[in-house]
Amino acid sequence: MTDLPDEIPSHDEIVGSLRRTPPEVRDEAAGIWLSATGQFVWTPNQGPQSDAYHCLADELFYGGQAGGGKTALGLGLALTAHKRSLLLRRINKDALKLAEQLADILGSRDGFNGQAQRWRLQLPNGAGERLIQFAGCEHEDDKQRFKGNPYDLIYFDEGTDFLASQYRFIIGWNRSADEQQRCRVVVGSNPPTTAEGLWVIRHWSPWLDPMHPRPAHPGELRWFTTGPDGADIEVADRGPHLVNGESVLARSRTYIPARLADNPDLRNTGYGAVLAGLPEELRQAYRDGNFAAGLKDDDFQVIPAAWIEAAQRRWRADGGRGIAMTAIGLDVAQGGADYTVLAARRGGWYAPLVRKPGQETRDGSAVAAAVVALRRDCCVVVVDVDGGWGGDTVARLKDNGIPVVGFKGAAKSNAKTRDRQLGFYNKRAEAWWRMREELDPDYDGGSVLALPPDASVKADLAAPRWELTPRGIKIEDKSQIRKRLGRSPDDGDAIVMCLSEGARAAAAELRRRQRTARPERANVGYAHLKEPRSG
């Protein structure tokens, strides 16, 4: 088998040319074509699939509409351009479906070891072999199985089914000892339909996030490296770049949209009608390839995705102008891979979140400095003190005379739902349910909350699930969410704390000032306070 040349006519072009030839020439032309292309086991369709095949990006997201030939691209690259390939599906048994598709392409199962889920194919002229490994990564910790095993191609089929933590870990072994061998990572996927898959919008944000300040065109290369905190840093070129005193090379990313109309194998089969019959949220994702489409909610999702999206559409950059800062919600990370997140709001309007790497907020003084830089209008600060991480921060803020409330999610709640029918398992459940009630568009004239149009905000607020227990509504623990998402929902917790305790704390602080301050100073920072209806 031979690697493909740069320019290959499409299947349709070849067939069209043959049809235009005289009958006495057609058979001869077809014979010439078959003998000339017999060494090619697979060729990409002209258009986006061919663009993706020849793309120079280190990390390519090839996706959008269902039926665009995403899986075929991964299989074709493994068959024609790479020597050691890892082809992944999230569920183990689904990975074997990829092997079945490969057998259809080859016309046999020669070289396939079903027990090892591995295919070995001999290269011509004694040039060695291709190894194609099929595998699943069903549980978050399954990523460890790939540690230390080098692959020059790593392909994630239905990439939004994977967790961000799995993706980032596994691609660490995208390498080859052969200096002549091209290495790359490819993700083939439709838009995400669950909160777990929204990480792809952030990872490829210049192409997929409509709020990105510098949007990129399909196929345009952008360069990224990783900072000492594990966060992406966009740079101008491959480099080298000096990061934390070390010279490092950046990796390139790009996105190429896949369309059903560009896939001659499926476009005339009636598959488009199948996609048109899907439920609305799936139709937008699979048929239209819309990365801004609504998510398919879990039956026990606390906050419907549509309510979050509506609040993000209400957001305007100047929406908080003229309104005093009400409160700051603070989720603390001291060291580690998580972020300290500050969520500030002015009435119902939330400012863009401030995220500080945990490495930069190792003690209460560092966190307090971030609060002081953001805080305005003498507002109250609500700090998560579960687990003890926020205690030092509370002490430092109080030392500086800043009114602060410690939020204990595990504490008992005596509150009821808005309809007075149900209680809450603890304060965490009460806080998250208050956010749900404030985002409900059908209650008392609709919601007034405006949330920044940030993919992480949407993902975090849509993540938690709930259950009804004898003690009332219970929200899954943060540790459970972390296990399911492969990350901590820090953005969502900061936003929720800011709402749940913010109004109550602000009112208490106002009463304190009225008792102790001079009359002309009592309402400083609160004279124009605008609050959501509850909380």
Protein backbone atom coordinates (compact mmCIF):
# COMPACT_ATOMS: atom_id res chain seq x y z
CA MET A 1 0.00 0.00 0.00
CA THR A 2 1.27 3.45 -0.93
CA ASP A 3 0.62 6.86 0.60
CA LEU A 4 -1.64 9.11 -1.42
CA PRO A 5 -0.39 11.77 -3.82
CA ASP A 6 -1.41 15.37 -3.19
CA GLU A 7 -4.05 15.58 -5.91
CA ILE A 8 -6.51 12.72 -6.40
CA PRO A 9 -9.61 12.96 -8.62
CA SER A 10 -12.83 12.20 -6.81
CA HIS A 11 -14.95 9.12 -7.44
CA ASP A 12 -17.62 11.28 -9.10
CA GLU A 13 -15.09 12.93 -11.40
CA ILE A 14 -13.71 9.57 -12.51
CA VAL A 15 -17.15 8.10 -13.16
CA GLY A 16 -18.22 11.24 -15.01
CA SER A 17 -15.18 11.12 -17.23
CA LEU A 18 -15.75 7.46 -18.09
CA ARG A 19 -19.39 8.12 -18.95
CA ARG A 20 -18.36 10.78 -21.45
CA THR A 21 -15.99 8.47 -23.32
CA PRO A 22 -17.15 6.51 -26.39
CA PRO A 23 -18.28 2.92 -25.61
CA GLU A 24 -15.30 1.40 -27.44
CA VAL A 25 -12.90 3.44 -25.23
CA ARG A 26 -14.72 3.04 -21.92
CA ASP A 27 -13.61 -0.52 -21.14
CA GLU A 28 -10.01 0.27 -21.95
CA ALA A 29 -10.12 3.44 -19.81
CA ALA A 30 -11.65 1.54 -16.91
CA GLY A 31 -8.94 -1.10 -17.13
CA ILE A 32 -6.22 1.52 -17.12
CA TRP A 33 -7.78 3.15 -14.06
CA LEU A 34 -8.05 -0.12 -12.14
CA SER A 35 -4.46 -1.13 -12.84
CA ALA A 36 -3.15 2.35 -11.98
CA THR A 37 -5.00 2.60 -8.67
CA GLY A 38 -4.92 -1.00 -7.50
CA GLN A 39 -2.34 -0.17 -4.81
CA PHE A 40 -4.71 2.32 -3.17
CA VAL A 41 -6.86 0.54 -0.60
CA TRP A 42 -8.72 3.76 0.26
CA THR A 43 -8.96 7.30 -1.13
CA PRO A 44 -10.68 10.34 0.42
CA ASN A 45 -13.64 11.99 -1.22
CA GLN A 46 -12.86 15.29 -2.87
CA GLY A 47 -13.78 18.27 -0.70
CA PRO A 48 -13.69 18.46 3.11
CA GLN A 49 -12.62 14.83 3.59
CA SER A 50 -9.66 15.30 1.26
CA ASP A 51 -8.85 18.63 2.97
CA ALA A 52 -8.89 16.82 6.31
CA TYR A 53 -6.68 14.01 4.98
CA HIS A 54 -4.00 16.47 3.82
CA CYS A 55 -4.45 18.89 6.75
CA LEU A 56 -1.19 19.82 8.50
CA ALA A 57 -2.68 20.38 11.96
CA ASP A 58 -1.31 18.43 14.90
CA GLU A 59 -4.87 18.27 16.30
CA LEU A 60 -7.76 18.24 13.84
CA PHE A 61 -11.44 18.34 14.67
CA TYR A 62 -13.32 17.01 11.64
CA GLY A 63 -17.02 17.16 12.30
CA GLY A 64 -20.41 18.72 12.12
CA GLN A 65 -23.16 16.96 10.19
CA ALA A 66 -23.81 13.24 10.53
CA GLY A 67 -22.82 11.26 7.44
CA GLY A 68 -19.88 13.46 6.53
CA GLY A 69 -17.39 10.60 6.40
CA LYS A 70 -15.71 11.16 9.77
CA THR A 71 -15.15 7.49 10.67
CA ALA A 72 -14.00 6.71 7.13
CA LEU A 73 -11.36 9.43 7.45
CA GLY A 74 -9.93 7.87 10.60
CA LEU A 75 -9.85 4.41 9.05
CA GLY A 76 -8.39 5.73 5.81
CA LEU A 77 -5.58 7.58 7.57
CA ALA A 78 -4.68 4.43 9.51
CA LEU A 79 -4.66 2.36 6.31
CA THR A 80 -2.65 4.70 4.12
CA ALA A 81 -0.66 7.31 6.04
CA HIS A 82 0.36 5.92 9.44
CA LYS A 83 2.31 2.99 10.86
CA ARG A 84 1.00 2.85 14.45
CA SER A 85 -2.62 3.94 14.86
CA LEU A 86 -4.94 3.98 17.87
CA LEU A 87 -8.63 4.16 16.95
CA LEU A 88 -10.88 4.86 19.93
CA ARG A 89 -14.56 4.77 20.82
CA ARG A 90 -15.79 5.59 24.31
CA ILE A 91 -17.51 2.21 24.80
CA ASN A 92 -15.30 -0.87 24.43
CA LYS A 93 -17.72 -2.94 22.34
CA ASP A 94 -18.29 -0.02 19.97
CA ALA A 95 -14.59 -0.01 19.12
CA LEU A 96 -15.08 -3.38 17.44
CA LYS A 97 -17.57 -1.75 15.07
CA LEU A 98 -14.63 0.20 13.67
CA ALA A 99 -12.85 -3.08 13.01
CA GLU A 100 -15.89 -4.35 11.12
CA GLN A 101 -15.87 -1.24 8.93
CA LEU A 102 -12.18 -1.76 8.24
CA ALA A 103 -12.90 -5.34 7.18
CA ASP A 104 -15.48 -4.00 4.71
CA ILE A 105 -12.86 -1.70 3.19
CA LEU A 106 -10.22 -4.42 2.91
CA GLY A 107 -12.62 -7.16 1.83
CA SER A 108 -11.11 -9.62 4.31
CA ARG A 109 -10.07 -10.03 7.95
CA ASP A 110 -6.50 -11.13 7.16
CA GLY A 111 -4.14 -9.83 9.84
CA PHE A 112 -6.85 -9.16 12.44
CA ASN A 113 -6.47 -10.47 15.99
CA GLY A 114 -9.92 -10.26 17.55
CA GLN A 115 -8.74 -11.04 21.06
CA ALA A 116 -6.20 -8.22 21.04
CA GLN A 117 -8.48 -5.97 18.92
CA ARG A 118 -5.48 -5.31 16.70
CA TRP A 119 -4.84 -5.40 12.97
CA ARG A 120 -1.41 -5.93 11.42
CA LEU A 121 -0.96 -5.21 7.72
CA GLN A 122 2.26 -5.78 5.81
CA LEU A 123 3.65 -2.84 3.84
CA PRO A 124 4.86 -3.54 0.29
CA ASN A 125 8.50 -4.21 -0.56
CA GLY A 126 9.36 -5.38 2.96
CA ALA A 127 8.93 -1.89 4.39
CA GLY A 128 7.52 -3.17 7.66
CA GLU A 129 3.92 -3.22 8.82
CA ARG A 130 1.02 -1.08 9.86
CA LEU A 131 -0.42 -1.69 13.31
CA ILE A 132 -4.00 -0.54 13.92
CA GLN A 133 -5.22 -0.85 17.51
CA PHE A 134 -8.92 -0.58 18.40
CA ALA A 135 -9.87 0.29 21.97
CA GLY A 136 -12.50 1.79 24.25
CA CYS A 137 -12.13 4.20 27.15
CA GLU A 138 -15.39 3.67 28.98
CA HIS A 139 -14.38 4.80 32.46
CA GLU A 140 -12.37 7.92 33.27
CA ASP A 141 -9.47 5.90 34.69
CA ASP A 142 -9.31 3.69 31.58
CA LYS A 143 -7.08 6.34 30.04
CA GLN A 144 -4.22 4.91 32.10
CA ARG A 145 -4.20 1.79 29.89
CA PHE A 146 -2.64 3.83 27.07
CA LYS A 147 0.17 5.29 29.15
CA GLY A 148 3.56 4.96 27.51
CA ASN A 149 2.33 3.37 24.26
CA PRO A 150 3.33 5.56 21.29
CA TYR A 151 1.01 6.03 18.29
CA ASP A 152 1.64 8.34 15.35
CA LEU A 153 -2.14 8.54 14.73
CA ILE A 154 -4.68 8.79 17.54
CA TYR A 155 -8.26 8.97 16.27
CA PHE A 156 -11.24 9.65 18.57
CA ASP A 157 -14.45 8.50 16.90
CA GLU A 158 -17.53 10.36 18.22
CA GLY A 159 -15.13 12.57 20.14
CA THR A 160 -17.73 14.41 22.23
CA ASP A 161 -18.46 11.13 24.02
CA PHE A 162 -15.01 11.35 25.62
CA LEU A 163 -14.08 13.45 28.64
CA ALA A 164 -11.62 16.31 28.30
CA SER A 165 -9.36 14.64 30.87
CA GLN A 166 -9.24 11.45 28.78
CA TYR A 167 -8.42 13.33 25.59
CA ARG A 168 -5.66 15.45 27.14
CA PHE A 169 -4.04 12.42 28.80
CA ILE A 170 -4.13 10.03 25.84
CA ILE A 171 -2.74 12.46 23.26
CA GLY A 172 0.38 12.77 25.42
CA TRP A 173 1.59 9.61 23.63
CA ASN A 174 1.11 10.89 20.08
CA ARG A 175 4.68 10.34 18.93
CA SER A 176 6.98 8.20 16.77
CA ALA A 177 10.63 7.17 16.88
CA ASP A 178 10.65 7.44 13.06
CA GLU A 179 11.60 11.02 12.20
CA GLN A 180 10.02 10.62 8.76
CA GLN A 181 6.62 9.59 10.15
CA ARG A 182 3.96 12.28 10.44
CA CYS A 183 2.19 12.36 13.86
CA ARG A 184 -1.31 13.72 14.38
CA VAL A 185 -4.49 13.56 16.46
CA VAL A 186 -7.90 13.56 14.78
CA VAL A 187 -11.31 13.90 16.42
CA GLY A 188 -14.31 12.94 14.33
CA SER A 189 -17.60 13.99 15.86
CA ASN A 190 -20.95 15.69 15.62
CA PRO A 191 -21.66 18.68 17.88
CA PRO A 192 -22.09 17.81 21.58
CA THR A 193 -25.60 16.99 22.78
CA THR A 194 -24.72 16.60 26.48
CA ALA A 195 -22.84 18.77 28.97
CA GLU A 196 -20.00 16.22 29.09
CA GLY A 197 -19.10 16.93 25.47
CA LEU A 198 -18.94 20.72 25.61
CA TRP A 199 -15.19 20.60 26.21
CA VAL A 200 -14.60 20.42 22.44
CA ILE A 201 -16.05 23.93 22.03
CA ARG A 202 -13.54 25.27 24.49
CA HIS A 203 -10.61 23.26 23.07
CA TRP A 204 -11.36 24.44 19.52
CA SER A 205 -12.88 27.76 20.63
CA PRO A 206 -11.51 29.95 17.77
CA TRP A 207 -13.66 27.91 15.36
CA LEU A 208 -16.58 26.73 17.49
CA ASP A 209 -17.22 29.41 20.14
CA PRO A 210 -19.20 32.32 18.61
CA MET A 211 -17.96 34.63 21.40
CA HIS A 212 -14.27 34.04 20.70
CA PRO A 213 -12.53 37.43 20.27
CA ARG A 214 -10.47 36.23 17.27
CA PRO A 215 -12.53 33.74 15.24
CA ALA A 216 -10.66 31.36 12.92
CA HIS A 217 -11.66 30.13 9.48
CA PRO A 218 -12.15 26.40 8.78
CA GLY A 219 -8.76 24.85 8.08
CA GLU A 220 -6.82 27.81 9.49
CA LEU A 221 -4.00 26.74 11.79
CA ARG A 222 -3.79 28.19 15.29
CA TRP A 223 -0.97 27.38 17.71
CA PHE A 224 -1.27 26.43 21.38
CA THR A 225 1.01 25.44 24.20
CA THR A 226 0.30 24.63 27.84
CA GLY A 227 1.11 26.91 30.75
CA PRO A 228 2.47 25.75 34.12
CA ASP A 229 -1.12 25.59 35.41
CA GLY A 230 -2.21 23.22 32.63
CA ALA A 231 -4.23 25.87 30.78
CA ASP A 232 -3.96 26.51 27.03
CA ILE A 233 -1.91 29.47 25.84
CA GLU A 234 -2.44 30.60 22.24
CA VAL A 235 0.77 31.71 20.55
CA ALA A 236 1.69 33.04 17.12
CA ASP A 237 3.57 30.03 15.68
CA ARG A 238 5.27 26.75 16.51
CA GLY A 239 8.08 28.53 18.31
CA PRO A 240 10.01 27.62 20.37
CA HIS A 241 8.41 29.68 23.14
CA LEU A 242 9.65 30.35 26.65
CA VAL A 243 7.06 29.05 29.14
CA ASN A 244 7.87 29.06 32.84
CA GLY A 245 11.58 29.25 32.06
CA GLU A 246 11.47 26.31 29.63
CA SER A 247 11.74 26.42 25.83
CA VAL A 248 8.77 24.55 24.32
CA LEU A 249 7.26 24.02 20.87
CA ALA A 250 3.57 24.73 20.29
CA ARG A 251 1.09 22.35 18.62
CA SER A 252 -1.32 23.41 15.90
CA ARG A 253 -5.09 22.91 15.87
CA THR A 254 -7.82 23.43 13.33
CA TYR A 255 -11.41 22.54 12.54
CA ILE A 256 -12.81 21.37 9.19
CA PRO A 257 -16.59 21.00 8.89
CA ALA A 258 -17.94 17.72 7.51
CA ARG A 259 -21.15 17.72 5.45
CA LEU A 260 -23.42 14.94 4.29
CA ALA A 261 -23.65 16.64 0.89
CA ASP A 262 -19.91 16.09 0.39
CA ASN A 263 -20.09 12.33 0.98
CA PRO A 264 -21.06 10.50 -2.22
CA ASP A 265 -21.35 7.23 -0.30
CA LEU A 266 -24.38 8.49 1.68
CA ARG A 267 -25.82 11.66 0.19
CA ASN A 268 -28.13 9.88 -2.26
CA THR A 269 -29.25 7.09 0.08
CA GLY A 270 -32.10 8.87 1.87
CA TYR A 271 -30.04 9.31 5.04
CA GLY A 272 -30.88 13.01 4.98
CA ALA A 273 -34.55 12.14 5.51
CA VAL A 274 -33.57 10.02 8.51
CA LEU A 275 -31.74 12.98 10.06
CA ALA A 276 -34.69 15.28 9.36
CA GLY A 277 -36.90 13.02 11.47
CA LEU A 278 -34.79 13.33 14.63
CA PRO A 279 -35.98 15.31 17.69
CA GLU A 280 -35.27 19.03 17.43
CA GLU A 281 -32.12 19.20 19.59
CA LEU A 282 -30.61 16.17 17.82
CA ARG A 283 -31.67 17.41 14.38
CA GLN A 284 -29.81 20.68 14.93
CA ALA A 285 -26.68 18.83 16.03
CA TYR A 286 -26.63 15.87 13.62
CA ARG A 287 -28.38 17.16 10.48
CA ASP A 288 -27.33 20.81 10.67
CA GLY A 289 -23.96 20.41 12.42
CA ASN A 290 -24.88 23.33 14.68
CA PHE A 291 -22.45 23.70 17.57
CA ALA A 292 -24.71 26.31 19.18
CA ALA A 293 -27.66 23.88 19.26
CA GLY A 294 -29.41 22.98 22.49
CA LEU A 295 -28.31 20.03 24.57
CA LYS A 296 -30.36 16.92 25.19
CA ASP A 297 -31.17 17.20 28.89
CA ASP A 298 -30.85 14.33 31.32
CA ASP A 299 -34.18 13.37 32.92
CA PHE A 300 -32.84 14.52 36.31
CA GLN A 301 -30.81 17.52 35.20
CA VAL A 302 -31.21 20.35 37.71
CA ILE A 303 -31.26 23.24 35.23
CA PRO A 304 -32.55 22.72 31.66
CA ALA A 305 -29.98 23.73 29.06
CA ALA A 306 -32.56 25.87 27.23
CA TRP A 307 -32.95 28.07 30.32
CA ILE A 308 -29.19 28.57 30.55
CA GLU A 309 -28.96 29.43 26.86
CA ALA A 310 -31.82 31.94 27.20
CA ALA A 311 -29.96 33.66 30.05
CA GLN A 312 -26.81 33.80 27.93
CA ARG A 313 -28.75 35.37 25.05
CA ARG A 314 -29.98 38.07 27.45
CA TRP A 315 -26.41 38.98 28.36
CA ARG A 316 -24.95 42.26 27.08
CA ALA A 317 -21.44 43.49 27.74
CA ASP A 318 -22.78 46.72 29.28
CA GLY A 319 -25.72 45.09 31.04
CA GLY A 320 -24.40 45.89 34.52
CA ARG A 321 -23.78 49.57 33.86
CA GLY A 322 -25.30 51.81 36.53
CA ILE A 323 -26.03 48.89 38.89
CA ALA A 324 -23.99 48.41 42.06
CA MET A 325 -22.05 45.16 42.43
CA THR A 326 -24.27 42.92 44.54
CA ALA A 327 -21.97 40.07 45.52
CA ILE A 328 -19.01 37.92 44.51
CA GLY A 329 -19.20 34.12 44.61
CA LEU A 330 -15.80 32.56 45.25
CA ASP A 331 -14.85 28.91 44.65
CA VAL A 332 -11.34 28.45 45.99
CA ALA A 333 -8.57 26.22 44.60
CA GLN A 334 -5.24 26.31 46.45
CA GLY A 335 -2.75 24.55 44.20
CA GLY A 336 -3.58 21.57 42.00
CA ALA A 337 -5.11 21.55 38.53
CA ASP A 338 -8.38 23.32 39.44
CA TYR A 339 -9.08 27.04 39.22
CA THR A 340 -10.10 29.63 41.76
CA VAL A 341 -13.22 31.16 40.19
CA LEU A 342 -14.77 34.54 41.02
CA ALA A 343 -18.34 35.24 39.85
CA ALA A 344 -19.47 38.84 40.34
CA ARG A 345 -22.97 40.07 39.66
CA ARG A 346 -24.78 43.38 39.53
CA GLY A 347 -28.41 42.60 40.24
CA GLY A 348 -29.37 39.91 37.76
CA TRP A 349 -26.38 40.57 35.45
CA TYR A 350 -23.25 38.44 35.85
CA ALA A 351 -19.87 39.79 34.79
CA PRO A 352 -17.49 37.52 32.83
CA LEU A 353 -15.95 35.08 35.28
CA VAL A 354 -12.45 35.59 36.61
CA ARG A 355 -10.43 32.37 36.74
CA LYS A 356 -7.11 32.08 38.55
CA PRO A 357 -5.01 28.89 38.29
CA GLY A 358 -4.78 27.08 41.60
CA GLN A 359 -0.99 27.41 41.38
CA GLU A 360 -1.42 31.20 41.66
CA THR A 361 -3.80 31.06 44.64
CA ARG A 362 -1.95 28.75 47.03
CA ASP A 363 -2.94 30.66 50.18
CA GLY A 364 -5.67 32.92 51.50
CA SER A 365 -3.65 36.08 50.90
CA ALA A 366 -3.30 35.34 47.18
CA VAL A 367 -7.05 34.64 46.88
CA ALA A 368 -7.90 37.78 48.84
CA ALA A 369 -5.74 39.84 46.45
CA ALA A 370 -7.79 38.54 43.50
CA VAL A 371 -10.99 39.50 45.34
CA VAL A 372 -9.77 43.01 46.10
CA ALA A 373 -8.86 43.55 42.43
CA LEU A 374 -12.40 42.61 41.32
CA ARG A 375 -14.57 43.92 44.16
CA ARG A 376 -16.57 47.14 43.82
CA ASP A 377 -19.30 49.01 45.72
CA CYS A 378 -18.47 47.47 49.12
CA CYS A 379 -20.15 44.23 48.03
CA VAL A 380 -20.29 41.03 50.04
CA VAL A 381 -18.10 38.01 49.18
CA VAL A 382 -19.53 34.48 49.44
CA VAL A 383 -16.80 31.84 49.90
CA ASP A 384 -17.13 28.07 49.62
CA VAL A 385 -15.74 26.73 52.92
CA ASP A 386 -16.65 23.05 52.51
CA GLY A 387 -13.55 20.91 52.85
CA GLY A 388 -11.61 23.66 54.59
CA TRP A 389 -10.11 25.23 51.45
CA GLY A 390 -11.84 28.58 51.92
CA GLY A 391 -11.21 29.07 55.65
CA ASP A 392 -7.88 30.86 55.19
CA THR A 393 -9.43 33.11 52.54
CA VAL A 394 -12.32 34.05 54.85
CA ALA A 395 -9.85 35.02 57.57
CA ARG A 396 -7.76 37.17 55.22
CA LEU A 397 -10.85 38.96 53.84
CA LYS A 398 -12.11 39.70 57.35
CA ASP A 399 -8.67 41.03 58.29
CA ASN A 400 -9.13 43.53 55.45
CA GLY A 401 -12.57 44.59 56.63
CA ILE A 402 -14.40 42.92 53.72
CA PRO A 403 -17.84 41.51 54.58
CA VAL A 404 -17.73 37.78 53.87
CA VAL A 405 -20.10 34.82 54.19
CA GLY A 406 -18.88 31.23 54.42
CA PHE A 407 -21.00 28.91 52.27
CA LYS A 408 -21.30 25.42 53.75
CA GLY A 409 -23.01 23.24 51.18
CA ALA A 410 -23.22 20.29 53.59
CA ALA A 411 -25.07 22.33 56.20
CA LYS A 412 -28.73 21.73 56.99
CA SER A 413 -31.38 23.65 55.04
CA ASN A 414 -34.78 24.62 56.44
CA ALA A 415 -35.96 26.20 53.19
CA LYS A 416 -38.67 25.02 50.80
CA THR A 417 -39.09 25.12 47.05
CA ARG A 418 -40.91 28.11 45.64
CA ASP A 419 -44.22 26.23 45.63
CA ARG A 420 -43.62 25.21 49.28
CA GLN A 421 -43.99 21.53 48.41
CA LEU A 422 -40.46 20.15 48.93
CA GLY A 423 -37.54 20.68 51.24
CA PHE A 424 -33.81 20.31 50.62
CA TYR A 425 -31.25 17.71 51.65
CA ASN A 426 -28.69 20.44 52.45
CA LYS A 427 -27.66 24.01 51.59
CA ARG A 428 -26.02 22.87 48.35
CA ALA A 429 -29.33 21.51 47.09
CA GLU A 430 -31.13 24.68 48.16
CA ALA A 431 -28.60 26.88 46.36
CA TRP A 432 -28.76 24.99 43.07
CA TRP A 433 -32.55 24.80 43.14
CA ARG A 434 -32.76 28.58 43.73
CA MET A 435 -30.71 29.05 40.56
CA ARG A 436 -33.12 26.76 38.71
CA GLU A 437 -36.10 28.76 39.97
CA GLU A 438 -34.52 32.08 39.00
CA LEU A 439 -33.83 30.84 35.47
CA ASP A 440 -37.36 29.46 34.99
CA PRO A 441 -38.83 31.46 32.05
CA ASP A 442 -42.42 30.60 32.99
CA TYR A 443 -42.46 32.06 36.48
CA ASP A 444 -43.83 35.53 37.21
CA GLY A 445 -42.90 37.28 33.99
CA GLY A 446 -39.79 35.30 33.18
CA SER A 447 -36.20 35.31 34.35
CA VAL A 448 -34.08 38.44 34.69
CA LEU A 449 -30.73 36.67 35.07
CA ALA A 450 -28.16 37.34 32.36
CA LEU A 451 -25.20 34.94 32.20
CA PRO A 452 -21.99 35.45 30.20
CA PRO A 453 -22.06 33.43 26.93
CA ASP A 454 -19.20 31.18 27.97
CA ALA A 455 -19.11 27.48 27.02
CA SER A 456 -17.75 26.56 30.47
CA VAL A 457 -20.63 28.37 32.19
CA LYS A 458 -23.15 26.43 30.14
CA ALA A 459 -21.38 23.13 30.73
CA ASP A 460 -21.11 23.58 34.49
CA LEU A 461 -24.66 24.78 35.08
CA ALA A 462 -26.08 21.94 32.97
CA ALA A 463 -23.98 19.27 34.70
CA PRO A 464 -25.58 18.48 38.11
CA ARG A 465 -28.32 15.88 38.53
CA TRP A 466 -30.86 15.67 41.35
CA GLU A 467 -32.87 13.06 43.20
CA LEU A 468 -35.72 13.17 45.70
CA THR A 469 -34.86 11.67 49.09
CA PRO A 470 -36.82 11.44 52.36
CA ARG A 471 -34.90 14.55 53.47
CA GLY A 472 -35.86 16.46 50.32
CA ILE A 473 -34.19 17.38 47.04
CA LYS A 474 -30.57 16.25 46.86
CA ILE A 475 -27.98 17.40 44.30
CA GLU A 476 -25.16 15.01 43.43
CA ASP A 477 -21.93 15.73 45.27
CA LYS A 478 -19.19 17.71 43.62
CA SER A 479 -16.95 14.62 43.75
CA GLN A 480 -19.56 12.66 41.79
CA ILE A 481 -19.75 15.37 39.13
CA ARG A 482 -15.97 15.47 38.91
CA LYS A 483 -15.88 11.72 38.33
CA ARG A 484 -18.54 11.94 35.60
CA LEU A 485 -17.09 15.00 33.82
CA GLY A 486 -13.40 14.42 34.48
CA ARG A 487 -13.16 17.95 35.93
CA SER A 488 -14.52 20.11 38.71
CA PRO A 489 -17.62 22.32 38.01
CA ASP A 490 -16.03 25.37 39.65
CA ASP A 491 -17.67 27.95 37.37
CA GLY A 492 -21.16 26.71 38.16
CA ASP A 493 -20.55 26.59 41.91
CA ALA A 494 -19.27 30.18 41.99
CA ILE A 495 -22.29 31.43 40.02
CA VAL A 496 -24.76 29.56 42.21
CA MET A 497 -23.19 30.72 45.49
CA CYS A 498 -23.23 34.30 44.29
CA LEU A 499 -26.99 34.09 43.79
CA SER A 500 -28.02 31.92 46.72
CA GLU A 501 -26.32 33.85 49.49
CA GLY A 502 -25.59 37.11 47.72
CA ALA A 503 -28.92 38.86 48.22
CA ARG A 504 -29.28 37.71 51.81
CA ALA A 505 -25.74 38.77 52.66
CA ALA A 506 -26.10 42.11 50.89
CA ALA A 507 -29.30 42.87 52.79
CA ALA A 508 -27.64 41.97 56.10
CA GLU A 509 -24.66 44.17 55.30
CA LEU A 510 -26.97 47.06 54.41
CA ARG A 511 -28.77 46.73 57.76
CA ARG A 512 -25.43 46.67 59.57
CA ARG A 513 -24.30 49.83 57.81
CA GLN A 514 -27.55 51.57 58.60
CA ARG A 515 -27.04 50.80 62.28
CA THR A 516 -23.39 51.83 62.51
CA ALA A 517 -22.61 54.33 59.76
CA ARG A 518 -23.43 58.00 59.35
CA PRO A 519 -26.80 58.42 57.58
CA GLU A 520 -25.26 59.89 54.46
CA ARG A 521 -22.92 56.89 54.15
CA ALA A 522 -25.31 54.06 55.06
CA ASN A 523 -26.42 53.22 51.51
CA VAL A 524 -23.06 53.48 49.74
CA GLY A 525 -22.86 50.68 47.20
CA TYR A 526 -26.49 49.63 47.72
CA ALA A 527 -28.59 52.63 46.64
CA HIS A 528 -29.12 51.15 43.15
CA LEU A 529 -29.15 47.50 44.15
CA LYS A 530 -31.31 45.41 41.82
CA GLU A 531 -32.01 41.84 42.90
CA PRO A 532 -33.56 38.79 41.30
CA ARG A 533 -36.84 37.82 42.88
CA SER A 534 -35.51 35.23 45.34
CA GLY A 535 -32.29 34.18 46.99
